[in-house]
């Protein structure tokens, strides 16, 4: 995508986009949100904080995470133990 295309998307000048790319100027929240919506990605991805473009988490998964966070430490430990065999790191090490 060209700087001019991004500039049109954000309603900015191409030189402003160039300044963002060179670190001369920082994007405001509105511009970051527009980029996220356009590219269907997270702000963390746009800002270079994460390499996960758009983690796919369903509503059910979000509810489970919220419930886990609210649960007492003892309950979280039971859940963690039950799910341990299914964690990606456990699966990866067992297939290596």
N, C-alpha and C. Protein backbone atom coordinates (compact mmCIF):
# COMPACT_ATOMS: atom_id res chain seq x y z
N UNK A 1 0.85 -1.18 0.00
CA UNK A 1 0.00 0.00 0.00
C UNK A 1 0.89 1.24 0.00
N UNK A 2 0.56 2.20 -0.79
CA UNK A 2 1.35 3.42 -0.91
C UNK A 2 1.04 4.39 0.23
N UNK A 3 2.01 5.27 0.52
CA UNK A 3 1.79 6.30 1.54
C UNK A 3 0.58 7.15 1.20
N UNK A 4 0.39 7.43 -0.07
CA UNK A 4 -0.75 8.26 -0.48
C UNK A 4 -2.07 7.56 -0.18
N UNK A 5 -2.11 6.22 -0.31
CA UNK A 5 -3.32 5.46 0.00
C UNK A 5 -3.63 5.52 1.50
N UNK A 6 -2.60 5.34 2.30
CA UNK A 6 -2.77 5.40 3.76
C UNK A 6 -3.16 6.81 4.17
N UNK A 7 -2.57 7.81 3.53
CA UNK A 7 -2.89 9.20 3.83
C UNK A 7 -4.36 9.49 3.56
N UNK A 8 -4.87 8.99 2.45
CA UNK A 8 -6.29 9.18 2.13
C UNK A 8 -7.17 8.50 3.17
N UNK A 9 -6.78 7.29 3.56
CA UNK A 9 -7.54 6.54 4.56
C UNK A 9 -7.64 7.31 5.87
N UNK A 10 -6.54 7.93 6.28
CA UNK A 10 -6.49 8.63 7.56
C UNK A 10 -6.81 10.11 7.43
N UNK A 11 -7.07 10.55 6.21
CA UNK A 11 -7.36 11.96 5.96
C UNK A 11 -6.18 12.85 6.39
N UNK A 12 -4.99 12.41 5.96
CA UNK A 12 -3.75 13.13 6.27
C UNK A 12 -2.94 13.32 4.99
N UNK A 13 -1.88 14.08 5.10
CA UNK A 13 -0.99 14.26 3.96
C UNK A 13 0.01 13.10 3.89
N UNK A 14 0.50 12.80 2.69
CA UNK A 14 1.53 11.75 2.58
C UNK A 14 2.78 12.07 3.41
N UNK A 15 3.10 13.36 3.57
CA UNK A 15 4.27 13.70 4.39
C UNK A 15 4.04 13.35 5.86
N UNK A 16 2.79 13.46 6.32
CA UNK A 16 2.48 13.05 7.71
C UNK A 16 2.72 11.56 7.88
N UNK A 17 2.31 10.78 6.88
CA UNK A 17 2.53 9.32 6.93
C UNK A 17 4.03 9.03 6.94
N UNK A 18 4.77 9.74 6.12
CA UNK A 18 6.22 9.57 6.10
C UNK A 18 6.82 9.88 7.47
N UNK A 19 6.32 10.93 8.12
CA UNK A 19 6.80 11.29 9.47
C UNK A 19 6.50 10.18 10.48
N UNK A 20 5.34 9.53 10.34
CA UNK A 20 5.00 8.40 11.21
C UNK A 20 6.01 7.26 11.00
N UNK A 21 6.26 6.95 9.74
CA UNK A 21 7.16 5.84 9.42
C UNK A 21 8.58 6.09 9.91
N UNK A 22 9.01 7.34 9.89
CA UNK A 22 10.37 7.68 10.31
C UNK A 22 10.47 7.95 11.81
N UNK A 23 9.35 7.91 12.51
CA UNK A 23 9.37 8.14 13.95
C UNK A 23 9.48 9.61 14.32
N UNK A 24 9.26 10.49 13.37
CA UNK A 24 9.33 11.93 13.63
C UNK A 24 8.06 12.40 14.34
N UNK A 25 6.97 11.76 13.99
CA UNK A 25 5.66 12.12 14.54
C UNK A 25 4.97 10.85 15.01
N UNK A 26 4.18 10.95 16.09
CA UNK A 26 3.45 9.79 16.59
C UNK A 26 1.99 9.88 16.17
N UNK A 27 1.42 8.73 15.88
CA UNK A 27 0.01 8.69 15.47
C UNK A 27 -0.88 8.92 16.68
N UNK A 28 -1.99 9.59 16.46
CA UNK A 28 -2.96 9.75 17.54
C UNK A 28 -3.88 8.53 17.57
N UNK A 29 -4.66 8.42 18.63
CA UNK A 29 -5.51 7.24 18.83
C UNK A 29 -6.50 7.06 17.69
N UNK A 30 -7.04 8.14 17.17
CA UNK A 30 -8.02 8.04 16.08
C UNK A 30 -7.40 7.41 14.84
N UNK A 31 -6.19 7.83 14.49
CA UNK A 31 -5.50 7.27 13.32
C UNK A 31 -5.19 5.79 13.54
N UNK A 32 -4.76 5.45 14.74
CA UNK A 32 -4.45 4.05 15.05
C UNK A 32 -5.72 3.20 14.91
N UNK A 33 -6.84 3.69 15.43
CA UNK A 33 -8.11 2.96 15.32
C UNK A 33 -8.52 2.78 13.87
N UNK A 34 -8.35 3.81 13.06
CA UNK A 34 -8.70 3.70 11.64
C UNK A 34 -7.85 2.63 10.95
N UNK A 35 -6.56 2.61 11.26
CA UNK A 35 -5.68 1.59 10.68
C UNK A 35 -6.10 0.19 11.13
N UNK A 36 -6.39 0.05 12.41
CA UNK A 36 -6.81 -1.25 12.94
C UNK A 36 -8.08 -1.74 12.25
N UNK A 37 -9.04 -0.84 12.10
CA UNK A 37 -10.29 -1.23 11.45
C UNK A 37 -10.06 -1.57 9.98
N UNK A 38 -9.25 -0.78 9.31
CA UNK A 38 -9.01 -1.02 7.89
C UNK A 38 -8.28 -2.34 7.66
N UNK A 39 -7.23 -2.59 8.45
CA UNK A 39 -6.42 -3.78 8.27
C UNK A 39 -6.91 -4.98 9.09
N UNK A 40 -7.99 -4.77 9.85
CA UNK A 40 -8.55 -5.83 10.70
C UNK A 40 -7.48 -6.44 11.60
N UNK A 41 -6.86 -5.57 12.39
CA UNK A 41 -5.81 -6.03 13.29
C UNK A 41 -5.91 -5.25 14.61
N UNK A 42 -5.09 -5.65 15.56
CA UNK A 42 -5.11 -5.00 16.87
C UNK A 42 -4.19 -3.79 16.88
N UNK A 43 -4.43 -2.91 17.85
CA UNK A 43 -3.55 -1.75 18.03
C UNK A 43 -2.15 -2.22 18.41
N UNK A 44 -2.05 -3.27 19.20
CA UNK A 44 -0.73 -3.80 19.56
C UNK A 44 0.06 -4.20 18.32
N UNK A 45 -0.62 -4.75 17.34
CA UNK A 45 0.05 -5.13 16.08
C UNK A 45 0.51 -3.89 15.33
N UNK A 46 -0.36 -2.89 15.22
CA UNK A 46 -0.01 -1.65 14.52
C UNK A 46 1.17 -0.96 15.19
N UNK A 47 1.19 -0.99 16.52
CA UNK A 47 2.25 -0.31 17.27
C UNK A 47 3.52 -1.14 17.40
N UNK A 48 3.50 -2.38 16.92
CA UNK A 48 4.68 -3.23 16.99
C UNK A 48 4.90 -3.88 18.34
N UNK A 49 3.87 -3.86 19.17
CA UNK A 49 3.97 -4.47 20.50
C UNK A 49 3.79 -5.98 20.42
N UNK A 50 2.98 -6.42 19.47
CA UNK A 50 2.69 -7.85 19.31
C UNK A 50 2.85 -8.23 17.84
N UNK A 51 3.23 -9.47 17.61
CA UNK A 51 3.29 -9.95 16.23
C UNK A 51 2.03 -10.72 15.85
N UNK A 52 1.06 -10.76 16.77
CA UNK A 52 -0.23 -11.38 16.48
C UNK A 52 -1.13 -10.34 15.83
N UNK A 53 -1.44 -10.55 14.58
CA UNK A 53 -2.22 -9.55 13.83
C UNK A 53 -3.61 -9.37 14.41
N UNK A 54 -4.34 -10.43 14.56
CA UNK A 54 -5.70 -10.35 15.09
C UNK A 54 -6.04 -11.67 15.76
N UNK A 55 -5.71 -11.79 17.04
CA UNK A 55 -6.03 -13.04 17.73
C UNK A 55 -7.52 -13.35 17.63
N UNK A 56 -7.84 -14.56 17.28
CA UNK A 56 -9.23 -14.97 17.13
C UNK A 56 -9.71 -15.55 18.46
N UNK A 57 -10.50 -14.78 19.18
CA UNK A 57 -11.06 -15.25 20.44
C UNK A 57 -12.58 -15.07 20.36
N UNK A 58 -13.28 -16.17 20.53
CA UNK A 58 -14.74 -16.14 20.45
C UNK A 58 -15.32 -15.50 21.72
N UNK A 59 -16.60 -15.19 21.66
CA UNK A 59 -17.28 -14.64 22.84
C UNK A 59 -17.24 -15.64 24.00
N UNK A 60 -17.41 -16.91 23.68
CA UNK A 60 -17.36 -17.95 24.71
C UNK A 60 -15.99 -17.98 25.38
N UNK A 61 -14.93 -17.87 24.58
CA UNK A 61 -13.58 -17.86 25.13
C UNK A 61 -13.35 -16.62 25.99
N UNK A 62 -13.86 -15.49 25.55
CA UNK A 62 -13.74 -14.26 26.35
C UNK A 62 -14.44 -14.41 27.69
N UNK A 63 -15.62 -15.05 27.68
CA UNK A 63 -16.36 -15.28 28.92
C UNK A 63 -15.61 -16.22 29.85
N UNK A 64 -14.98 -17.25 29.28
CA UNK A 64 -14.19 -18.19 30.08
C UNK A 64 -12.99 -17.50 30.72
N UNK A 65 -12.33 -16.65 29.96
CA UNK A 65 -11.19 -15.90 30.49
C UNK A 65 -11.64 -15.00 31.63
N UNK A 66 -12.76 -14.30 31.43
CA UNK A 66 -13.28 -13.41 32.47
C UNK A 66 -13.63 -14.20 33.73
N UNK A 67 -14.26 -15.36 33.56
CA UNK A 67 -14.62 -16.19 34.71
C UNK A 67 -13.37 -16.70 35.42
N UNK A 68 -12.35 -17.12 34.66
CA UNK A 68 -11.10 -17.60 35.26
C UNK A 68 -10.47 -16.49 36.09
N UNK A 69 -10.47 -15.27 35.56
CA UNK A 69 -9.88 -14.14 36.28
C UNK A 69 -10.62 -13.83 37.58
N UNK A 70 -11.92 -14.04 37.59
CA UNK A 70 -12.72 -13.75 38.79
C UNK A 70 -12.66 -14.87 39.82
N UNK A 71 -12.27 -16.06 39.38
CA UNK A 71 -12.26 -17.22 40.27
C UNK A 71 -11.17 -17.10 41.33
N UNK A 72 -11.41 -17.70 42.50
CA UNK A 72 -10.37 -17.71 43.54
C UNK A 72 -9.13 -18.47 43.04
N UNK A 73 -8.00 -18.16 43.64
CA UNK A 73 -6.72 -18.74 43.24
C UNK A 73 -6.77 -20.28 43.22
N UNK A 74 -7.45 -20.87 44.19
CA UNK A 74 -7.52 -22.32 44.28
C UNK A 74 -8.26 -22.92 43.08
N UNK A 75 -9.34 -22.27 42.66
CA UNK A 75 -10.12 -22.75 41.51
C UNK A 75 -9.30 -22.60 40.23
N UNK A 76 -8.61 -21.47 40.10
CA UNK A 76 -7.76 -21.27 38.92
C UNK A 76 -6.69 -22.35 38.84
N UNK A 77 -6.14 -22.73 39.96
CA UNK A 77 -5.11 -23.77 39.98
C UNK A 77 -5.68 -25.11 39.50
N UNK A 78 -6.91 -25.42 39.91
CA UNK A 78 -7.56 -26.67 39.48
C UNK A 78 -7.77 -26.65 37.96
N UNK A 79 -8.26 -25.51 37.47
CA UNK A 79 -8.50 -25.37 36.03
C UNK A 79 -7.18 -25.49 35.27
N UNK A 80 -6.16 -24.81 35.74
CA UNK A 80 -4.84 -24.86 35.09
C UNK A 80 -4.31 -26.29 35.03
N UNK A 81 -4.47 -27.02 36.12
CA UNK A 81 -4.01 -28.41 36.15
C UNK A 81 -4.78 -29.27 35.16
N UNK A 82 -6.10 -29.07 35.10
CA UNK A 82 -6.92 -29.86 34.18
C UNK A 82 -6.58 -29.56 32.73
N UNK A 83 -6.22 -28.33 32.43
CA UNK A 83 -5.94 -27.95 31.04
C UNK A 83 -4.48 -28.09 30.65
N UNK A 84 -3.62 -28.40 31.58
CA UNK A 84 -2.18 -28.48 31.31
C UNK A 84 -1.83 -29.34 30.10
N UNK A 85 -2.44 -30.52 29.94
CA UNK A 85 -2.07 -31.35 28.78
C UNK A 85 -2.45 -30.73 27.43
N UNK A 86 -3.35 -29.76 27.46
CA UNK A 86 -3.85 -29.17 26.22
C UNK A 86 -3.18 -27.84 25.87
N UNK A 87 -2.30 -27.38 26.73
CA UNK A 87 -1.59 -26.12 26.45
C UNK A 87 -0.71 -26.29 25.22
N UNK A 88 -0.57 -25.23 24.44
CA UNK A 88 0.23 -25.31 23.21
C UNK A 88 1.67 -25.71 23.49
N UNK A 89 2.25 -25.17 24.57
CA UNK A 89 3.64 -25.50 24.86
C UNK A 89 3.79 -26.97 25.21
N UNK A 90 2.77 -27.58 25.86
CA UNK A 90 2.82 -29.00 26.18
C UNK A 90 2.66 -29.83 24.91
N UNK A 91 1.76 -29.38 24.02
CA UNK A 91 1.53 -30.10 22.78
C UNK A 91 2.77 -30.03 21.89
N UNK A 92 3.38 -28.85 21.78
CA UNK A 92 4.58 -28.69 20.96
C UNK A 92 5.72 -29.54 21.46
N UNK A 93 5.91 -29.61 22.78
CA UNK A 93 7.03 -30.40 23.31
C UNK A 93 6.79 -31.89 23.15
N UNK A 94 5.52 -32.31 23.14
CA UNK A 94 5.25 -33.73 22.98
C UNK A 94 5.38 -34.20 21.53
N UNK A 95 5.29 -33.27 20.58
CA UNK A 95 5.43 -33.63 19.17
C UNK A 95 6.85 -33.42 18.66
N UNK A 96 7.71 -32.84 19.48
CA UNK A 96 9.10 -32.56 19.06
C UNK A 96 9.96 -33.79 19.18
